[in-house]
C-alpha atoms as a PDB file:
ATOM      1  CA  MET A   1     -46.386  -0.571  19.100  1.00  0.00           C
ATOM      2  CA  LYS A   2     -45.145  -4.258  19.012  1.00  0.00           C
ATOM      3  CA  LYS A   3     -45.342  -4.241  15.313  1.00  0.00           C
ATOM      4  CA  TRP A   4     -42.943  -1.181  15.067  1.00  0.00           C
ATOM      5  CA  SER A   5     -40.473  -2.976  17.414  1.00  0.00           C
ATOM      6  CA  ILE A   6     -40.499  -6.173  15.485  1.00  0.00           C
ATOM      7  CA  LEU A   7     -40.025  -4.207  12.140  1.00  0.00           C
ATOM      8  CA  LEU A   8     -37.194  -2.161  13.719  1.00  0.00           C
ATOM      9  CA  VAL A   9     -35.448  -5.326  14.810  1.00  0.00           C
ATOM     10  CA  ILE A  10     -35.840  -6.849  11.317  1.00  0.00           C
ATOM     11  CA  PHE A  11     -34.445  -3.708   9.828  1.00  0.00           C
ATOM     12  CA  LEU A  12     -31.328  -3.616  12.210  1.00  0.00           C
ATOM     13  CA  CYS A  13     -30.755  -7.281  11.459  1.00  0.00           C
ATOM     14  CA  ILE A  14     -30.746  -6.661   7.687  1.00  0.00           C
ATOM     15  CA  ALA A  15     -28.571  -3.607   8.050  1.00  0.00           C
ATOM     16  CA  ILE A  16     -25.985  -5.488  10.093  1.00  0.00           C
ATOM     17  CA  TRP A  17     -26.013  -8.389   7.753  1.00  0.00           C
ATOM     18  CA  GLN A  18     -25.354  -6.093   4.790  1.00  0.00           C
ATOM     19  CA  THR A  19     -22.532  -4.336   6.604  1.00  0.00           C
ATOM     20  CA  VAL A  20     -20.755  -7.561   7.376  1.00  0.00           C
ATOM     21  CA  SER A  21     -21.275  -8.793   3.700  1.00  0.00           C
ATOM     22  CA  VAL A  22     -19.755  -5.643   2.297  1.00  0.00           C
ATOM     23  CA  TYR A  23     -16.836  -5.776   4.605  1.00  0.00           C
ATOM     24  CA  HIS A  24     -16.135  -9.493   3.779  1.00  0.00           C
ATOM     25  CA  ALA A  25     -16.334  -8.728   0.022  1.00  0.00           C
ATOM     26  CA  ALA A  26     -13.831  -6.009   0.347  1.00  0.00           C
ATOM     27  CA  VAL A  27     -11.343  -7.977   2.451  1.00  0.00           C
ATOM     28  CA  GLU A  28     -11.588 -11.149   0.314  1.00  0.00           C
ATOM     29  CA  SER A  29     -10.907  -9.356  -2.924  1.00  0.00           C
ATOM     30  CA  LYS A  30      -7.459  -8.277  -1.727  1.00  0.00           C
ATOM     31  CA  GLN A  31      -6.266 -11.845  -0.546  1.00  0.00           C
ATOM     32  CA  PRO A  32      -6.268 -13.551  -3.946  1.00  0.00           C
ATOM     33  CA  LEU A  33      -4.347 -10.547  -5.408  1.00  0.00           C
ATOM     34  CA  ILE A  34      -1.662 -10.810  -2.922  1.00  0.00           C
ATOM     35  CA  GLU A  35      -1.413 -14.497  -3.062  1.00  0.00           C
ATOM     36  CA  THR A  36      -1.171 -14.551  -6.930  1.00  0.00           C
ATOM     37  CA  ALA A  37       1.459 -11.893  -6.672  1.00  0.00           C
ATOM     38  CA  ARG A  38       3.453 -13.865  -4.057  1.00  0.00           C
ATOM     39  CA  LYS A  39       3.466 -16.766  -6.497  1.00  0.00           C
ATOM     40  CA  ARG A  40       4.581 -14.642  -9.439  1.00  0.00           C
ATOM     41  CA  ALA A  41       7.436 -13.262  -7.093  1.00  0.00           C
ATOM     42  CA  GLU A  42       8.663 -16.698  -6.493  1.00  0.00           C
ATOM     43  CA  GLU A  43       9.732 -16.700 -10.250  1.00  0.00           C
ATOM     44  CA  LYS A  44      12.447 -14.092  -9.345  1.00  0.00           C
ATOM     45  CA  VAL A  45      13.097 -14.418  -5.591  1.00  0.00           C
ATOM     46  CA  ARG A  46      12.668 -17.007  -3.077  1.00  0.00           C
ATOM     47  CA  PHE A  47      11.709 -15.277   0.204  1.00  0.00           C
ATOM     48  CA  ALA A  48      12.498 -17.215   3.352  1.00  0.00           C
ATOM     49  CA  HIS A  49      10.431 -14.446   5.257  1.00  0.00           C
ATOM     50  CA  ILE A  50       8.285 -11.816   4.187  1.00  0.00           C
ATOM     51  CA  ASP A  51       8.314  -8.687   6.460  1.00  0.00           C
ATOM     52  CA  ASP A  52       5.918  -6.300   4.738  1.00  0.00           C
ATOM     53  CA  VAL A  53       3.461  -6.475   1.978  1.00  0.00           C
ATOM     54  CA  TYR A  54       2.157  -3.198   0.261  1.00  0.00           C
ATOM     55  CA  THR A  55      -0.478  -2.912  -2.355  1.00  0.00           C
ATOM     56  CA  TYR A  56      -0.059   0.153  -4.440  1.00  0.00           C
ATOM     57  CA  TYR A  57      -2.770   1.493  -6.768  1.00  0.00           C
ATOM     58  CA  GLY A  58      -1.320   3.937  -9.284  1.00  0.00           C
ATOM     59  CA  GLU A  59      -1.539   3.780 -13.106  1.00  0.00           C
ATOM     60  CA  LYS A  60      -1.109   0.117 -12.573  1.00  0.00           C
ATOM     61  CA  THR A  61      -1.656  -1.940  -9.349  1.00  0.00           C
ATOM     62  CA  TYR A  62       1.479  -3.410  -7.814  1.00  0.00           C
ATOM     63  CA  VAL A  63       1.856  -5.736  -4.786  1.00  0.00           C
ATOM     64  CA  VAL A  64       5.238  -5.079  -3.181  1.00  0.00           C
ATOM     65  CA  PHE A  65       6.964  -7.564  -0.943  1.00  0.00           C
ATOM     66  CA  VAL A  66       9.810  -6.732   1.484  1.00  0.00           C
ATOM     67  CA  GLY A  67      11.544  -9.769   2.845  1.00  0.00           C
ATOM     68  CA  THR A  68      14.610 -11.802   3.332  1.00  0.00           C
ATOM     69  CA  ASP A  69      15.843 -14.380   0.821  1.00  0.00           C
ATOM     70  CA  ARG A  70      17.293 -17.678   1.554  1.00  0.00           C
ATOM     71  CA  LYS A  71      20.759 -16.346   1.714  1.00  0.00           C
ATOM     72  CA  GLY A  72      19.717 -13.737   4.178  1.00  0.00           C
ATOM     73  CA  THR A  73      19.722 -10.700   1.959  1.00  0.00           C
ATOM     74  CA  LYS A  74      16.875  -8.228   2.311  1.00  0.00           C
ATOM     75  CA  LYS A  75      15.186  -7.780  -0.965  1.00  0.00           C
ATOM     76  CA  ILE A  76      12.052  -6.028  -2.326  1.00  0.00           C
ATOM     77  CA  ALA A  77       9.931  -7.391  -5.232  1.00  0.00           C
ATOM     78  CA  TRP A  78       7.481  -5.227  -7.093  1.00  0.00           C
ATOM     79  CA  VAL A  79       4.841  -7.452  -8.833  1.00  0.00           C
ATOM     80  CA  PRO A  80       2.418  -5.956 -11.243  1.00  0.00           C
ATOM     81  CA  GLU A  81      -1.185  -7.232 -10.858  1.00  0.00           C
ATOM     82  CA  LYS A  82      -1.534  -8.178 -14.434  1.00  0.00           C
ATOM     83  CA  LYS A  83       1.216  -9.344 -16.729  1.00  0.00           C
ATOM     84  CA  GLY A  84       4.354  -7.327 -16.680  1.00  0.00           C
ATOM     85  CA  ARG A  85       7.941  -7.293 -15.439  1.00  0.00           C
ATOM     86  CA  ILE A  86       8.643  -8.271 -11.964  1.00  0.00           C
ATOM     87  CA  ILE A  87      11.325  -5.960 -10.434  1.00  0.00           C
ATOM     88  CA  VAL A  88      13.566  -7.187  -7.581  1.00  0.00           C
ATOM     89  CA  LYS A  89      16.049  -4.930  -5.734  1.00  0.00           C
ATOM     90  CA  ARG A  90      18.238  -5.310  -2.688  1.00  0.00           C
ATOM     91  CA  ALA A  91      16.762  -3.208   0.101  1.00  0.00           C
ATOM     92  CA  GLN A  92      20.093  -1.479   0.647  1.00  0.00           C
ATOM     93  CA  SER A  93      20.016  -0.272  -2.879  1.00  0.00           C
ATOM     94  CA  GLY A  94      17.583   2.400  -2.040  1.00  0.00           C
ATOM     95  CA  ILE A  95      16.359   4.611   0.795  1.00  0.00           C
ATOM     96  CA  THR A  96      14.579   3.145   3.883  1.00  0.00           C
ATOM     97  CA  ARG A  97      11.226   4.018   4.991  1.00  0.00           C
ATOM     98  CA  GLU A  98      12.745   6.173   7.833  1.00  0.00           C
ATOM     99  CA  GLU A  99      14.784   8.211   5.296  1.00  0.00           C
ATOM    100  CA  ALA A 100      11.751   8.704   3.292  1.00  0.00           C
ATOM    101  CA  ILE A 101       9.833  10.140   6.213  1.00  0.00           C
ATOM    102  CA  LYS A 102      12.721  12.373   7.164  1.00  0.00           C
ATOM    103  CA  LYS A 103      12.771  13.726   3.631  1.00  0.00           C
ATOM    104  CA  LEU A 104       8.996  14.444   3.719  1.00  0.00           C
ATOM    105  CA  GLU A 105       9.243  16.073   7.257  1.00  0.00           C
ATOM    106  CA  ALA A 106      12.206  18.438   6.084  1.00  0.00           C
ATOM    107  CA  GLN A 107      10.437  19.412   2.794  1.00  0.00           C
ATOM    108  CA  ARG A 108       6.753  19.554   3.740  1.00  0.00           C
ATOM    109  CA  HIS A 109       6.332  19.648   7.444  1.00  0.00           C
ATOM    110  CA  PRO A 110       3.252  17.538   7.687  1.00  0.00           C
ATOM    111  CA  GLN A 111       0.972  17.728  10.629  1.00  0.00           C
ATOM    112  CA  ARG A 112       0.395  13.903  10.577  1.00  0.00           C
ATOM    113  CA  ILE A 113       1.708  11.156   8.428  1.00  0.00           C
ATOM    114  CA  VAL A 114      -0.970   8.767   7.564  1.00  0.00           C
ATOM    115  CA  SER A 115       0.938   5.905   5.459  1.00  0.00           C
ATOM    116  CA  VAL A 116       4.104   5.145   3.934  1.00  0.00           C
ATOM    117  CA  LYS A 117       4.400   2.411   1.293  1.00  0.00           C
ATOM    118  CA  LEU A 118       6.424   1.255  -1.564  1.00  0.00           C
ATOM    119  CA  GLY A 119       5.012   1.470  -5.138  1.00  0.00           C
ATOM    120  CA  MET A 120       5.927   1.799  -8.942  1.00  0.00           C
ATOM    121  CA  GLU A 121       5.066   4.230 -11.606  1.00  0.00           C
ATOM    122  CA  LYS A 122       6.322   3.820 -15.098  1.00  0.00           C
ATOM    123  CA  GLU A 123       8.711   1.213 -13.849  1.00  0.00           C
ATOM    124  CA  VAL A 124      10.323   3.641 -11.253  1.00  0.00           C
ATOM    125  CA  PRO A 125      10.279   2.154  -7.770  1.00  0.00           C
ATOM    126  CA  LEU A 126       8.964   4.892  -5.320  1.00  0.00           C
ATOM    127  CA  TRP A 127       7.797   5.610  -1.806  1.00  0.00           C
ATOM    128  CA  GLU A 128       4.351   7.052  -1.456  1.00  0.00           C
ATOM    129  CA  LEU A 129       3.845   9.076   1.620  1.00  0.00           C
ATOM    130  CA  THR A 130       0.333  10.056   2.580  1.00  0.00           C
ATOM    131  CA  TYR A 131       0.038  12.925   5.003  1.00  0.00           C
ATOM    132  CA  ILE A 132      -2.091  15.752   6.468  1.00  0.00           C
ATOM    133  CA  ASP A 133      -0.517  19.049   5.397  1.00  0.00           C
ATOM    134  CA  GLN A 134      -0.314  22.407   7.253  1.00  0.00           C
ATOM    135  CA  ASN A 135      -3.659  23.416   5.596  1.00  0.00           C
ATOM    136  CA  ASN A 136      -5.371  20.289   6.898  1.00  0.00           C
ATOM    137  CA  ARG A 137      -5.527  18.696   3.395  1.00  0.00           C
ATOM    138  CA  TYR A 138      -5.040  14.986   2.603  1.00  0.00           C
ATOM    139  CA  SER A 139      -1.818  14.988   0.473  1.00  0.00           C
ATOM    140  CA  PHE A 140       0.474  12.574  -1.315  1.00  0.00           C
ATOM    141  CA  TYR A 141       4.344  12.887  -1.623  1.00  0.00           C
ATOM    142  CA  TYR A 142       6.284  10.627  -4.047  1.00  0.00           C
ATOM    143  CA  ILE A 143      10.072  10.116  -3.925  1.00  0.00           C
ATOM    144  CA  SER A 144      12.386   7.806  -5.728  1.00  0.00           C
ATOM    145  CA  PHE A 145      13.281   4.617  -3.852  1.00  0.00           C
ATOM    146  CA  GLU A 146      16.719   4.637  -5.346  1.00  0.00           C
ATOM    147  CA  ASP A 147      18.015   8.008  -4.310  1.00  0.00           C
ATOM    148  CA  GLY A 148      15.127   9.808  -2.510  1.00  0.00           C
ATOM    149  CA  THR A 149      14.691  12.401  -5.220  1.00  0.00           C
ATOM    150  CA  PHE A 150      11.303  14.240  -5.363  1.00  0.00           C
ATOM    151  CA  LEU A 151       8.937  12.871  -8.052  1.00  0.00           C
ATOM    152  CA  LYS A 152       5.563  14.541  -7.495  1.00  0.00           C
ATOM    153  CA  ARG A 153       3.115  15.569  -4.962  1.00  0.00           C
ATOM    154  CA  TYR A 154      -0.490  16.540  -4.804  1.00  0.00           C
ATOM    155  CA  SER A 155      -3.213  17.546  -2.389  1.00  0.00           C
ATOM    156  CA  PHE A 156      -6.862  17.440  -2.159  1.00  0.00           C
ATOM    157  CA  GLN A 157      -8.700  20.870  -1.784  1.00  0.00           C
ATOM    158  CA  GLN A 158     -10.794  21.302   1.299  1.00  0.00           C
END
């Protein structure tokens, strides 16, 4: 009986160690991406303060920074993970997060909104809204950042 207890404790220690190891590997891989993107964003805009950072995984991976520049203007920078054009826009040139949510609620009537983040597809800045729909499906709704027009949506089947 004592041998089984010792083996169980060893097994639990190994399981905990592996869980912590996987978690750290997942978190650490995102930090260099954000730091590299922040340095690249400095080429186009000097943020005095960054309010939000989004990582968007679409056809290409983008890191999106929302912040205030040194002149006090709120700006958004879309930085591709690899080489590519960095796009910077004034925040007031597009719709806000709240306006994007209102459009989703008016069109799709979600049960619950999971996340709202900025992204980019084919050099079109967009809002990606992830939600649970009326049929209890995990769904995505994409609208243009500039004017809030519908771009696409899709849902996972149950």
